[in-house]
């Protein structure tokens, strides 16, 4: 019998004898593999709470569910920072009481100064990093610019991939043209569209998940990549390298948000605090190979890991030199339209 069904039967039995019903289990929604496989069980064991994990594949998927339900049925969600910002703007994110998250003191000072949520009033950063170029150093010359991907040399054309997700696909064109990664000017966005339509003709694929495997096999030689995902390739082939183009990167941040509709707020706070424990948070750095904004956790990362994956050693102050992706409000519709036009173009 599932834990959820057991809880339902217990609630009915308690009601029959006039006792208060049990709360539903704490529901945490996260991407697959984005925290330790035993994290939920360990949390339950250590705290006496009842939590269960549900998975979402994309930010867009979980946002659709949260907006439709007004957050009901969820307690803690992992979303990228522009989406956390949307949840707050819609009134769905809880205003955080830091006294209930004592481990928040483990965060770097820079993690309390993020543009989307200065002071972490409605979100807690879980992982952060950059987006750049991941390449086979034994097959191509070291790139220096986003244009090395968007306007590749003849011998590299057909061996490149770009991220399929709207914001990061557009960011490559925005950065190449010297624009903000949150640009909303219609004329500038038309130039971004045209640049990315031209680039499409040189691509092997749009790929958010297997681009590093394509590099390992040699099917691809130069790809747009999140730093942590490039590390997966580096771990299999030391000739794979990661670099940030001269025009810069975005600063991406994945966050934890407690939903205002949660009926398990104390348990939700307890879960966020559990994740921010130095040993627990270090798991993400050591296993998903993404930097975490937890100074106490990163201090315990073995030096050999950073030697193997140099981007893991990037300093928080340097990361904050890049522009963070933000909620662009109504302009998101224009972004979606531009991406549709790019992907529909022949």
C-alpha atoms as a PDB file:
ATOM      1  CA  UNK A   1       0.000   0.000   0.000  1.00  0.00           C
ATOM      2  CA  UNK A   2       1.401   3.434  -0.888  1.00  0.00           C
ATOM      3  CA  UNK A   3       2.184   5.956   1.833  1.00  0.00           C
ATOM      4  CA  UNK A   4      -0.462   8.290   0.384  1.00  0.00           C
ATOM      5  CA  UNK A   5      -3.187   5.613   0.550  1.00  0.00           C
ATOM      6  CA  UNK A   6      -2.087   4.632   4.053  1.00  0.00           C
ATOM      7  CA  UNK A   7      -2.393   8.252   5.137  1.00  0.00           C
ATOM      8  CA  UNK A   8      -5.871   8.440   3.615  1.00  0.00           C
ATOM      9  CA  UNK A   9      -7.038   5.343   5.505  1.00  0.00           C
ATOM     10  CA  UNK A  10      -5.533   6.620   8.765  1.00  0.00           C
ATOM     11  CA  UNK A  11      -7.224   9.983   8.309  1.00  0.00           C
ATOM     12  CA  UNK A  12     -10.582   8.266   7.819  1.00  0.00           C
ATOM     13  CA  UNK A  13     -10.052   6.092  10.903  1.00  0.00           C
ATOM     14  CA  UNK A  14      -9.121   9.089  13.034  1.00  0.00           C
ATOM     15  CA  UNK A  15     -12.164  11.018  11.835  1.00  0.00           C
ATOM     16  CA  UNK A  16     -14.403   8.064  12.726  1.00  0.00           C
ATOM     17  CA  UNK A  17     -13.343   8.280  16.382  1.00  0.00           C
ATOM     18  CA  UNK A  18     -13.448  12.069  16.520  1.00  0.00           C
ATOM     19  CA  UNK A  19      -9.708  12.751  16.333  1.00  0.00           C
ATOM     20  CA  UNK A  20      -8.132  15.379  14.009  1.00  0.00           C
ATOM     21  CA  UNK A  21      -7.065  14.161  10.586  1.00  0.00           C
ATOM     22  CA  UNK A  22      -3.418  13.733   9.707  1.00  0.00           C
ATOM     23  CA  UNK A  23      -1.863  16.275   7.337  1.00  0.00           C
ATOM     24  CA  UNK A  24      -1.139  15.073   3.824  1.00  0.00           C
ATOM     25  CA  UNK A  25       2.487  14.135   3.175  1.00  0.00           C
ATOM     26  CA  UNK A  26       4.847  16.980   2.333  1.00  0.00           C
ATOM     27  CA  UNK A  27       5.070  17.121  -1.476  1.00  0.00           C
ATOM     28  CA  UNK A  28       8.385  18.154  -3.025  1.00  0.00           C
ATOM     29  CA  UNK A  29       8.650  18.608  -6.802  1.00  0.00           C
ATOM     30  CA  UNK A  30      12.089  18.482  -8.383  1.00  0.00           C
ATOM     31  CA  UNK A  31      13.881  17.438 -11.549  1.00  0.00           C
ATOM     32  CA  UNK A  32      14.906  13.786 -11.730  1.00  0.00           C
ATOM     33  CA  UNK A  33      18.326  13.141 -10.191  1.00  0.00           C
ATOM     34  CA  UNK A  34      18.713  16.698  -8.883  1.00  0.00           C
ATOM     35  CA  UNK A  35      19.167  15.609  -5.275  1.00  0.00           C
ATOM     36  CA  UNK A  36      20.351  12.417  -3.584  1.00  0.00           C
ATOM     37  CA  UNK A  37      18.171   9.380  -4.268  1.00  0.00           C
ATOM     38  CA  UNK A  38      17.762   8.805  -0.530  1.00  0.00           C
ATOM     39  CA  UNK A  39      17.263  12.492   0.368  1.00  0.00           C
ATOM     40  CA  UNK A  40      13.536  12.181   1.012  1.00  0.00           C
ATOM     41  CA  UNK A  41      13.869   9.009   3.083  1.00  0.00           C
ATOM     42  CA  UNK A  42      16.763  10.495   5.060  1.00  0.00           C
ATOM     43  CA  UNK A  43      14.801  13.681   5.669  1.00  0.00           C
ATOM     44  CA  UNK A  44      11.809  11.694   6.892  1.00  0.00           C
ATOM     45  CA  UNK A  45      13.995   9.565   9.140  1.00  0.00           C
ATOM     46  CA  UNK A  46      15.880  12.506  10.640  1.00  0.00           C
ATOM     47  CA  UNK A  47      12.935  14.835  11.161  1.00  0.00           C
ATOM     48  CA  UNK A  48       9.953  12.540  11.681  1.00  0.00           C
ATOM     49  CA  UNK A  49       8.152  14.163   8.771  1.00  0.00           C
ATOM     50  CA  UNK A  50       6.335  12.415   5.949  1.00  0.00           C
ATOM     51  CA  UNK A  51       7.509  13.708   2.577  1.00  0.00           C
ATOM     52  CA  UNK A  52       7.207  12.394  -0.951  1.00  0.00           C
ATOM     53  CA  UNK A  53       8.959  13.389  -4.171  1.00  0.00           C
ATOM     54  CA  UNK A  54       7.214  14.069  -7.460  1.00  0.00           C
ATOM     55  CA  UNK A  55       9.168  14.826 -10.623  1.00  0.00           C
ATOM     56  CA  UNK A  56       8.856  17.496 -13.272  1.00  0.00           C
ATOM     57  CA  UNK A  57      10.774  17.453 -16.531  1.00  0.00           C
ATOM     58  CA  UNK A  58      10.850  21.203 -17.185  1.00  0.00           C
ATOM     59  CA  UNK A  59      10.173  24.519 -15.516  1.00  0.00           C
ATOM     60  CA  UNK A  60       7.288  25.027 -17.917  1.00  0.00           C
ATOM     61  CA  UNK A  61       5.669  21.735 -16.893  1.00  0.00           C
ATOM     62  CA  UNK A  62       5.603  22.442 -13.175  1.00  0.00           C
ATOM     63  CA  UNK A  63       4.634  26.084 -13.687  1.00  0.00           C
ATOM     64  CA  UNK A  64       1.577  25.028 -15.671  1.00  0.00           C
ATOM     65  CA  UNK A  65       0.492  22.786 -12.799  1.00  0.00           C
ATOM     66  CA  UNK A  66       1.162  25.380 -10.131  1.00  0.00           C
ATOM     67  CA  UNK A  67      -0.679  28.158 -11.924  1.00  0.00           C
ATOM     68  CA  UNK A  68      -3.664  25.904 -12.659  1.00  0.00           C
ATOM     69  CA  UNK A  69      -3.900  24.725  -9.032  1.00  0.00           C
ATOM     70  CA  UNK A  70      -2.799  28.034  -7.446  1.00  0.00           C
ATOM     71  CA  UNK A  71      -0.088  25.969  -5.774  1.00  0.00           C
ATOM     72  CA  UNK A  72      -2.495  23.647  -3.961  1.00  0.00           C
ATOM     73  CA  UNK A  73      -1.072  20.137  -3.600  1.00  0.00           C
ATOM     74  CA  UNK A  74       2.566  21.224  -3.553  1.00  0.00           C
ATOM     75  CA  UNK A  75       4.756  22.362  -0.675  1.00  0.00           C
ATOM     76  CA  UNK A  76       8.311  22.860  -1.986  1.00  0.00           C
ATOM     77  CA  UNK A  77       9.215  23.218  -5.660  1.00  0.00           C
ATOM     78  CA  UNK A  78      12.574  23.461  -7.393  1.00  0.00           C
ATOM     79  CA  UNK A  79      12.415  25.982 -10.242  1.00  0.00           C
ATOM     80  CA  UNK A  80      14.854  28.257 -12.068  1.00  0.00           C
ATOM     81  CA  UNK A  81      14.968  31.827 -10.815  1.00  0.00           C
ATOM     82  CA  UNK A  82      12.817  33.540 -13.490  1.00  0.00           C
ATOM     83  CA  UNK A  83      10.046  31.084 -12.664  1.00  0.00           C
ATOM     84  CA  UNK A  84      10.476  31.646  -8.916  1.00  0.00           C
ATOM     85  CA  UNK A  85      10.060  35.322  -9.682  1.00  0.00           C
ATOM     86  CA  UNK A  86       6.831  34.582 -11.574  1.00  0.00           C
ATOM     87  CA  UNK A  87       5.497  32.550  -8.636  1.00  0.00           C
ATOM     88  CA  UNK A  88       6.170  35.481  -6.356  1.00  0.00           C
ATOM     89  CA  UNK A  89       4.587  37.997  -8.728  1.00  0.00           C
ATOM     90  CA  UNK A  90       1.485  35.794  -8.890  1.00  0.00           C
ATOM     91  CA  UNK A  91       1.274  35.638  -5.109  1.00  0.00           C
ATOM     92  CA  UNK A  92       1.967  31.887  -5.007  1.00  0.00           C
ATOM     93  CA  UNK A  93       5.340  31.951  -3.203  1.00  0.00           C
ATOM     94  CA  UNK A  94       5.577  32.069   0.571  1.00  0.00           C
ATOM     95  CA  UNK A  95       7.398  35.035   2.110  1.00  0.00           C
ATOM     96  CA  UNK A  96      10.211  33.260   3.913  1.00  0.00           C
ATOM     97  CA  UNK A  97      10.858  33.391   7.643  1.00  0.00           C
ATOM     98  CA  UNK A  98      14.616  32.950   7.827  1.00  0.00           C
ATOM     99  CA  UNK A  99      14.449  32.105  11.522  1.00  0.00           C
ATOM    100  CA  UNK A 100      12.955  28.780  10.427  1.00  0.00           C
ATOM    101  CA  UNK A 101      15.896  28.112   8.065  1.00  0.00           C
ATOM    102  CA  UNK A 102      18.976  28.421  10.312  1.00  0.00           C
ATOM    103  CA  UNK A 103      21.177  26.716   7.701  1.00  0.00           C
ATOM    104  CA  UNK A 104      20.565  29.638   5.345  1.00  0.00           C
ATOM    105  CA  UNK A 105      23.598  31.150   7.059  1.00  0.00           C
ATOM    106  CA  UNK A 106      25.684  28.603   5.113  1.00  0.00           C
ATOM    107  CA  UNK A 107      25.085  30.513   1.870  1.00  0.00           C
ATOM    108  CA  UNK A 108      27.730  32.736   0.308  1.00  0.00           C
ATOM    109  CA  UNK A 109      27.150  36.447   0.830  1.00  0.00           C
ATOM    110  CA  UNK A 110      26.729  36.719  -2.950  1.00  0.00           C
ATOM    111  CA  UNK A 111      23.851  34.234  -2.792  1.00  0.00           C
ATOM    112  CA  UNK A 112      21.947  36.788  -0.720  1.00  0.00           C
ATOM    113  CA  UNK A 113      22.375  39.459  -3.398  1.00  0.00           C
ATOM    114  CA  UNK A 114      20.786  37.799  -6.429  1.00  0.00           C
ATOM    115  CA  UNK A 115      18.903  40.209  -8.671  1.00  0.00           C
ATOM    116  CA  UNK A 116      15.712  38.168  -8.876  1.00  0.00           C
ATOM    117  CA  UNK A 117      15.303  38.083  -5.078  1.00  0.00           C
ATOM    118  CA  UNK A 118      17.716  40.228  -3.031  1.00  0.00           C
ATOM    119  CA  UNK A 119      17.809  38.855   0.493  1.00  0.00           C
ATOM    120  CA  UNK A 120      16.113  35.595  -0.532  1.00  0.00           C
ATOM    121  CA  UNK A 121      12.685  36.731   0.571  1.00  0.00           C
ATOM    122  CA  UNK A 122      10.732  34.149  -1.464  1.00  0.00           C
ATOM    123  CA  UNK A 123      13.310  31.698  -2.834  1.00  0.00           C
ATOM    124  CA  UNK A 124      16.432  29.900  -1.653  1.00  0.00           C
ATOM    125  CA  UNK A 125      19.185  29.236  -4.223  1.00  0.00           C
ATOM    126  CA  UNK A 126      20.054  25.568  -4.679  1.00  0.00           C
ATOM    127  CA  UNK A 127      22.518  25.539  -7.597  1.00  0.00           C
ATOM    128  CA  UNK A 128      24.027  28.197  -9.841  1.00  0.00           C
ATOM    129  CA  UNK A 129      26.340  28.533 -12.781  1.00  0.00           C
ATOM    130  CA  UNK A 130      26.977  29.774 -16.283  1.00  0.00           C
ATOM    131  CA  UNK A 131      26.126  28.855 -19.861  1.00  0.00           C
ATOM    132  CA  UNK A 132      28.886  28.686 -22.426  1.00  0.00           C
ATOM    133  CA  UNK A 133      30.547  26.563 -25.067  1.00  0.00           C
ATOM    134  CA  UNK A 134      31.525  22.936 -24.536  1.00  0.00           C
ATOM    135  CA  UNK A 135      33.854  21.557 -27.193  1.00  0.00           C
ATOM    136  CA  UNK A 136      36.222  18.793 -28.267  1.00  0.00           C
ATOM    137  CA  UNK A 137      39.644  20.414 -27.964  1.00  0.00           C
ATOM    138  CA  UNK A 138      41.177  17.595 -30.029  1.00  0.00           C
ATOM    139  CA  UNK A 139      38.817  18.228 -32.950  1.00  0.00           C
ATOM    140  CA  UNK A 140      38.249  21.998 -33.102  1.00  0.00           C
ATOM    141  CA  UNK A 141      40.208  25.139 -32.354  1.00  0.00           C
ATOM    142  CA  UNK A 142      39.362  26.703 -29.013  1.00  0.00           C
ATOM    143  CA  UNK A 143      36.353  28.991 -29.511  1.00  0.00           C
ATOM    144  CA  UNK A 144      36.316  32.552 -28.205  1.00  0.00           C
ATOM    145  CA  UNK A 145      32.930  33.944 -29.221  1.00  0.00           C
ATOM    146  CA  UNK A 146      29.272  32.954 -29.404  1.00  0.00           C
ATOM    147  CA  UNK A 147      29.685  33.514 -33.132  1.00  0.00           C
ATOM    148  CA  UNK A 148      31.985  30.505 -33.292  1.00  0.00           C
ATOM    149  CA  UNK A 149      28.823  28.519 -32.584  1.00  0.00           C
ATOM    150  CA  UNK A 150      26.305  30.659 -34.485  1.00  0.00           C
ATOM    151  CA  UNK A 151      28.509  31.147 -37.547  1.00  0.00           C
ATOM    152  CA  UNK A 152      30.727  28.065 -37.405  1.00  0.00           C
ATOM    153  CA  UNK A 153      33.671  27.340 -39.631  1.00  0.00           C
ATOM    154  CA  UNK A 154      32.828  25.165 -42.622  1.00  0.00           C
ATOM    155  CA  UNK A 155      34.431  22.064 -41.112  1.00  0.00           C
ATOM    156  CA  UNK A 156      32.444  22.489 -37.859  1.00  0.00           C
ATOM    157  CA  UNK A 157      29.048  23.199 -39.441  1.00  0.00           C
ATOM    158  CA  UNK A 158      26.650  20.300 -38.905  1.00  0.00           C
ATOM    159  CA  UNK A 159      28.531  19.282 -35.773  1.00  0.00           C
ATOM    160  CA  UNK A 160      27.062  21.847 -33.378  1.00  0.00           C
ATOM    161  CA  UNK A 161      24.056  21.858 -31.041  1.00  0.00           C
ATOM    162  CA  UNK A 162      22.155  24.569 -29.174  1.00  0.00           C
ATOM    163  CA  UNK A 163      19.925  24.413 -26.134  1.00  0.00           C
ATOM    164  CA  UNK A 164      16.244  24.038 -26.997  1.00  0.00           C
ATOM    165  CA  UNK A 165      14.822  25.874 -23.969  1.00  0.00           C
ATOM    166  CA  UNK A 166      13.522  29.321 -24.929  1.00  0.00           C
ATOM    167  CA  UNK A 167      15.513  31.533 -22.593  1.00  0.00           C
ATOM    168  CA  UNK A 168      18.876  29.901 -23.199  1.00  0.00           C
ATOM    169  CA  UNK A 169      18.438  29.548 -26.946  1.00  0.00           C
ATOM    170  CA  UNK A 170      17.628  33.255 -27.180  1.00  0.00           C
ATOM    171  CA  UNK A 171      20.421  34.209 -24.783  1.00  0.00           C
ATOM    172  CA  UNK A 172      23.059  32.914 -27.199  1.00  0.00           C
ATOM    173  CA  UNK A 173      21.808  35.314 -29.869  1.00  0.00           C
ATOM    174  CA  UNK A 174      21.263  38.153 -27.421  1.00  0.00           C
ATOM    175  CA  UNK A 175      24.793  37.882 -26.057  1.00  0.00           C
ATOM    176  CA  UNK A 176      26.342  37.517 -29.532  1.00  0.00           C
ATOM    177  CA  UNK A 177      24.711  40.806 -30.526  1.00  0.00           C
ATOM    178  CA  UNK A 178      25.707  42.569 -27.323  1.00  0.00           C
ATOM    179  CA  UNK A 179      22.175  42.690 -25.916  1.00  0.00           C
ATOM    180  CA  UNK A 180      20.777  41.945 -22.486  1.00  0.00           C
ATOM    181  CA  UNK A 181      19.682  38.356 -21.832  1.00  0.00           C
ATOM    182  CA  UNK A 182      16.411  39.985 -20.760  1.00  0.00           C
ATOM    183  CA  UNK A 183      16.109  42.153 -23.891  1.00  0.00           C
ATOM    184  CA  UNK A 184      12.549  43.096 -24.841  1.00  0.00           C
ATOM    185  CA  UNK A 185      13.036  45.693 -27.588  1.00  0.00           C
ATOM    186  CA  UNK A 186      11.132  44.399 -30.635  1.00  0.00           C
ATOM    187  CA  UNK A 187      13.684  45.534 -33.220  1.00  0.00           C
ATOM    188  CA  UNK A 188      16.559  43.961 -31.310  1.00  0.00           C
ATOM    189  CA  UNK A 189      14.633  40.735 -30.819  1.00  0.00           C
ATOM    190  CA  UNK A 190      13.965  40.604 -34.572  1.00  0.00           C
ATOM    191  CA  UNK A 191      17.736  40.697 -35.121  1.00  0.00           C
ATOM    192  CA  UNK A 192      18.168  37.917 -32.567  1.00  0.00           C
ATOM    193  CA  UNK A 193      15.537  35.877 -34.425  1.00  0.00           C
ATOM    194  CA  UNK A 194      17.227  36.376 -37.789  1.00  0.00           C
ATOM    195  CA  UNK A 195      20.655  35.464 -36.402  1.00  0.00           C
ATOM    196  CA  UNK A 196      19.320  32.269 -34.839  1.00  0.00           C
ATOM    197  CA  UNK A 197      17.396  31.316 -37.979  1.00  0.00           C
ATOM    198  CA  UNK A 198      20.642  31.564 -39.932  1.00  0.00           C
ATOM    199  CA  UNK A 199      22.401  29.519 -37.252  1.00  0.00           C
ATOM    200  CA  UNK A 200      19.728  26.829 -37.428  1.00  0.00           C
ATOM    201  CA  UNK A 201      20.933  25.837 -40.870  1.00  0.00           C
ATOM    202  CA  UNK A 202      24.324  24.879 -39.440  1.00  0.00           C
ATOM    203  CA  UNK A 203      23.067  22.843 -36.480  1.00  0.00           C
ATOM    204  CA  UNK A 204      23.107  19.124 -35.873  1.00  0.00           C
ATOM    205  CA  UNK A 205      20.260  19.531 -33.368  1.00  0.00           C
ATOM    206  CA  UNK A 206      18.607  21.495 -30.608  1.00  0.00           C
ATOM    207  CA  UNK A 207      19.489  19.430 -27.552  1.00  0.00           C
ATOM    208  CA  UNK A 208      19.047  20.021 -23.820  1.00  0.00           C
ATOM    209  CA  UNK A 209      19.942  16.572 -22.532  1.00  0.00           C
ATOM    210  CA  UNK A 210      22.280  14.492 -24.723  1.00  0.00           C
ATOM    211  CA  UNK A 211      24.630  17.095 -26.189  1.00  0.00           C
ATOM    212  CA  UNK A 212      27.494  15.985 -23.955  1.00  0.00           C
ATOM    213  CA  UNK A 213      27.069  12.392 -25.158  1.00  0.00           C
ATOM    214  CA  UNK A 214      27.259  13.675 -28.731  1.00  0.00           C
ATOM    215  CA  UNK A 215      30.561  15.321 -27.858  1.00  0.00           C
ATOM    216  CA  UNK A 216      31.872  12.117 -26.297  1.00  0.00           C
ATOM    217  CA  UNK A 217      30.990  10.115 -29.409  1.00  0.00           C
ATOM    218  CA  UNK A 218      32.355  12.799 -31.759  1.00  0.00           C
ATOM    219  CA  UNK A 219      28.989  13.291 -33.457  1.00  0.00           C
ATOM    220  CA  UNK A 220      29.167  16.884 -32.209  1.00  0.00           C
ATOM    221  CA  UNK A 221      32.283  18.989 -31.777  1.00  0.00           C
ATOM    222  CA  UNK A 222      30.983  22.293 -30.391  1.00  0.00           C
ATOM    223  CA  UNK A 223      27.815  22.810 -28.348  1.00  0.00           C
ATOM    224  CA  UNK A 224      26.003  25.351 -26.216  1.00  0.00           C
ATOM    225  CA  UNK A 225      25.957  23.951 -22.687  1.00  0.00           C
ATOM    226  CA  UNK A 226      25.233  24.590 -19.072  1.00  0.00           C
ATOM    227  CA  UNK A 227      28.519  24.252 -17.207  1.00  0.00           C
ATOM    228  CA  UNK A 228      27.445  21.276 -15.090  1.00  0.00           C
ATOM    229  CA  UNK A 229      26.204  19.317 -18.094  1.00  0.00           C
ATOM    230  CA  UNK A 230      29.487  19.946 -19.883  1.00  0.00           C
ATOM    231  CA  UNK A 231      31.156  18.388 -16.849  1.00  0.00           C
ATOM    232  CA  UNK A 232      29.381  15.116 -17.592  1.00  0.00           C
ATOM    233  CA  UNK A 233      31.206  15.034 -20.908  1.00  0.00           C
ATOM    234  CA  UNK A 234      34.525  16.074 -19.357  1.00  0.00           C
ATOM    235  CA  UNK A 235      34.191  13.161 -16.957  1.00  0.00           C
ATOM    236  CA  UNK A 236      34.112  10.764 -19.900  1.00  0.00           C
ATOM    237  CA  UNK A 237      36.634  12.452 -22.193  1.00  0.00           C
ATOM    238  CA  UNK A 238      39.347  14.802 -20.916  1.00  0.00           C
ATOM    239  CA  UNK A 239      39.576  16.433 -24.368  1.00  0.00           C
ATOM    240  CA  UNK A 240      36.195  18.071 -23.731  1.00  0.00           C
ATOM    241  CA  UNK A 241      36.565  21.601 -22.407  1.00  0.00           C
ATOM    242  CA  UNK A 242      34.220  24.347 -21.215  1.00  0.00           C
ATOM    243  CA  UNK A 243      34.617  28.078 -21.824  1.00  0.00           C
ATOM    244  CA  UNK A 244      32.622  31.277 -21.481  1.00  0.00           C
ATOM    245  CA  UNK A 245      32.653  33.346 -24.689  1.00  0.00           C
ATOM    246  CA  UNK A 246      34.113  36.834 -24.688  1.00  0.00           C
ATOM    247  CA  UNK A 247      30.612  38.341 -24.944  1.00  0.00           C
ATOM    248  CA  UNK A 248      29.736  36.717 -21.619  1.00  0.00           C
ATOM    249  CA  UNK A 249      27.187  34.329 -20.152  1.00  0.00           C
ATOM    250  CA  UNK A 250      23.961  34.437 -18.261  1.00  0.00           C
ATOM    251  CA  UNK A 251      24.004  33.630 -14.557  1.00  0.00           C
ATOM    252  CA  UNK A 252      21.494  30.825 -14.040  1.00  0.00           C
ATOM    253  CA  UNK A 253      20.156  29.999 -10.589  1.00  0.00           C
ATOM    254  CA  UNK A 254      17.945  27.074  -9.601  1.00  0.00           C
ATOM    255  CA  UNK A 255      15.953  27.697  -6.454  1.00  0.00           C
ATOM    256  CA  UNK A 256      13.710  26.161  -3.808  1.00  0.00           C
ATOM    257  CA  UNK A 257      10.343  27.860  -3.273  1.00  0.00           C
ATOM    258  CA  UNK A 258       7.809  27.147  -0.522  1.00  0.00           C
ATOM    259  CA  UNK A 259       4.266  27.529  -1.814  1.00  0.00           C
ATOM    260  CA  UNK A 260       1.935  29.906   0.001  1.00  0.00           C
ATOM    261  CA  UNK A 261      -0.835  27.302  -0.378  1.00  0.00           C
ATOM    262  CA  UNK A 262       1.200  24.680   1.496  1.00  0.00           C
ATOM    263  CA  UNK A 263      -0.604  23.157   4.461  1.00  0.00           C
ATOM    264  CA  UNK A 264       2.713  21.743   5.723  1.00  0.00           C
ATOM    265  CA  UNK A 265       4.712  24.942   6.172  1.00  0.00           C
ATOM    266  CA  UNK A 266       6.722  23.823   9.186  1.00  0.00           C
ATOM    267  CA  UNK A 267       7.735  20.627   7.388  1.00  0.00           C
ATOM    268  CA  UNK A 268       8.493  22.628   4.236  1.00  0.00           C
ATOM    269  CA  UNK A 269      10.830  24.907   6.162  1.00  0.00           C
ATOM    270  CA  UNK A 270      12.409  21.858   7.751  1.00  0.00           C
ATOM    271  CA  UNK A 271      13.035  20.339   4.315  1.00  0.00           C
ATOM    272  CA  UNK A 272      14.684  23.473   2.923  1.00  0.00           C
ATOM    273  CA  UNK A 273      16.840  23.678   6.046  1.00  0.00           C
ATOM    274  CA  UNK A 274      17.766  20.002   5.654  1.00  0.00           C
ATOM    275  CA  UNK A 275      18.954  20.571   2.067  1.00  0.00           C
ATOM    276  CA  UNK A 276      21.067  23.558   3.175  1.00  0.00           C
ATOM    277  CA  UNK A 277      22.996  21.432   5.662  1.00  0.00           C
ATOM    278  CA  UNK A 278      26.584  21.504   4.406  1.00  0.00           C
ATOM    279  CA  UNK A 279      26.902  17.735   3.991  1.00  0.00           C
ATOM    280  CA  UNK A 280      23.536  17.357   2.291  1.00  0.00           C
ATOM    281  CA  UNK A 281      24.052  20.260  -0.093  1.00  0.00           C
ATOM    282  CA  UNK A 282      27.572  19.111  -0.930  1.00  0.00           C
ATOM    283  CA  UNK A 283      26.021  16.015  -2.513  1.00  0.00           C
ATOM    284  CA  UNK A 284      24.762  18.168  -5.393  1.00  0.00           C
ATOM    285  CA  UNK A 285      28.203  19.594  -6.095  1.00  0.00           C
ATOM    286  CA  UNK A 286      29.920  16.227  -5.945  1.00  0.00           C
ATOM    287  CA  UNK A 287      27.311  14.234  -7.864  1.00  0.00           C
ATOM    288  CA  UNK A 288      25.515  16.498 -10.328  1.00  0.00           C
ATOM    289  CA  UNK A 289      28.737  18.521 -10.786  1.00  0.00           C
ATOM    290  CA  UNK A 290      27.023  21.891 -10.438  1.00  0.00           C
ATOM    291  CA  UNK A 291      28.317  24.595  -8.148  1.00  0.00           C
ATOM    292  CA  UNK A 292      26.092  25.177  -5.118  1.00  0.00           C
ATOM    293  CA  UNK A 293      25.745  28.593  -3.452  1.00  0.00           C
ATOM    294  CA  UNK A 294      26.520  27.063  -0.073  1.00  0.00           C
ATOM    295  CA  UNK A 295      29.911  28.219   1.180  1.00  0.00           C
ATOM    296  CA  UNK A 296      30.069  25.595   3.904  1.00  0.00           C
ATOM    297  CA  UNK A 297      29.260  22.832   1.401  1.00  0.00           C
ATOM    298  CA  UNK A 298      31.750  23.984  -1.242  1.00  0.00           C
ATOM    299  CA  UNK A 299      34.488  24.294   1.384  1.00  0.00           C
ATOM    300  CA  UNK A 300      34.343  20.527   1.804  1.00  0.00           C
ATOM    301  CA  UNK A 301      34.556  19.643  -1.902  1.00  0.00           C
ATOM    302  CA  UNK A 302      37.727  17.708  -2.665  1.00  0.00           C
ATOM    303  CA  UNK A 303      40.312  19.747  -4.571  1.00  0.00           C
ATOM    304  CA  UNK A 304      40.688  16.947  -7.132  1.00  0.00           C
ATOM    305  CA  UNK A 305      37.086  17.496  -8.251  1.00  0.00           C
ATOM    306  CA  UNK A 306      37.783  21.132  -9.065  1.00  0.00           C
ATOM    307  CA  UNK A 307      41.017  20.165 -10.789  1.00  0.00           C
ATOM    308  CA  UNK A 308      39.090  17.775 -13.048  1.00  0.00           C
ATOM    309  CA  UNK A 309      36.199  20.192 -13.612  1.00  0.00           C
ATOM    310  CA  UNK A 310      37.728  23.709 -13.536  1.00  0.00           C
ATOM    311  CA  UNK A 311      34.393  25.509 -13.896  1.00  0.00           C
ATOM    312  CA  UNK A 312      33.460  24.117 -10.457  1.00  0.00           C
ATOM    313  CA  UNK A 313      36.034  26.482  -8.980  1.00  0.00           C
ATOM    314  CA  UNK A 314      34.543  29.690 -10.364  1.00  0.00           C
ATOM    315  CA  UNK A 315      34.224  32.298  -7.628  1.00  0.00           C
ATOM    316  CA  UNK A 316      30.759  33.585  -6.667  1.00  0.00           C
ATOM    317  CA  UNK A 317      31.862  37.203  -7.179  1.00  0.00           C
ATOM    318  CA  UNK A 318      32.865  36.375 -10.759  1.00  0.00           C
ATOM    319  CA  UNK A 319      29.536  34.691 -11.443  1.00  0.00           C
ATOM    320  CA  UNK A 320      27.645  37.750 -10.233  1.00  0.00           C
ATOM    321  CA  UNK A 321      29.451  39.696 -12.948  1.00  0.00           C
ATOM    322  CA  UNK A 322      27.078  38.055 -15.438  1.00  0.00           C
ATOM    323  CA  UNK A 323      23.476  39.119 -15.931  1.00  0.00           C
ATOM    324  CA  UNK A 324      20.877  36.921 -14.321  1.00  0.00           C
ATOM    325  CA  UNK A 325      17.896  35.664 -16.307  1.00  0.00           C
ATOM    326  CA  UNK A 326      14.810  37.517 -15.064  1.00  0.00           C
ATOM    327  CA  UNK A 327      11.058  37.334 -15.451  1.00  0.00           C
ATOM    328  CA  UNK A 328      10.287  39.453 -18.547  1.00  0.00           C
ATOM    329  CA  UNK A 329       6.560  39.602 -17.840  1.00  0.00           C
ATOM    330  CA  UNK A 330       4.292  39.988 -20.865  1.00  0.00           C
ATOM    331  CA  UNK A 331       7.351  39.914 -23.126  1.00  0.00           C
ATOM    332  CA  UNK A 332       7.559  36.165 -22.465  1.00  0.00           C
ATOM    333  CA  UNK A 333       4.820  35.774 -25.067  1.00  0.00           C
ATOM    334  CA  UNK A 334       7.035  37.581 -27.565  1.00  0.00           C
ATOM    335  CA  UNK A 335       9.931  35.333 -26.589  1.00  0.00           C
ATOM    336  CA  UNK A 336       7.816  32.240 -27.205  1.00  0.00           C
ATOM    337  CA  UNK A 337       6.675  33.599 -30.549  1.00  0.00           C
ATOM    338  CA  UNK A 338      10.250  34.363 -31.633  1.00  0.00           C
ATOM    339  CA  UNK A 339      11.392  30.863 -30.657  1.00  0.00           C
ATOM    340  CA  UNK A 340       8.466  29.338 -32.572  1.00  0.00           C
ATOM    341  CA  UNK A 341       9.457  31.332 -35.649  1.00  0.00           C
ATOM    342  CA  UNK A 342      13.069  30.190 -35.321  1.00  0.00           C
ATOM    343  CA  UNK A 343      12.186  26.527 -34.979  1.00  0.00           C
ATOM    344  CA  UNK A 344       9.586  26.667 -37.775  1.00  0.00           C
ATOM    345  CA  UNK A 345      11.975  28.287 -40.251  1.00  0.00           C
ATOM    346  CA  UNK A 346      13.346  26.160 -43.079  1.00  0.00           C
END
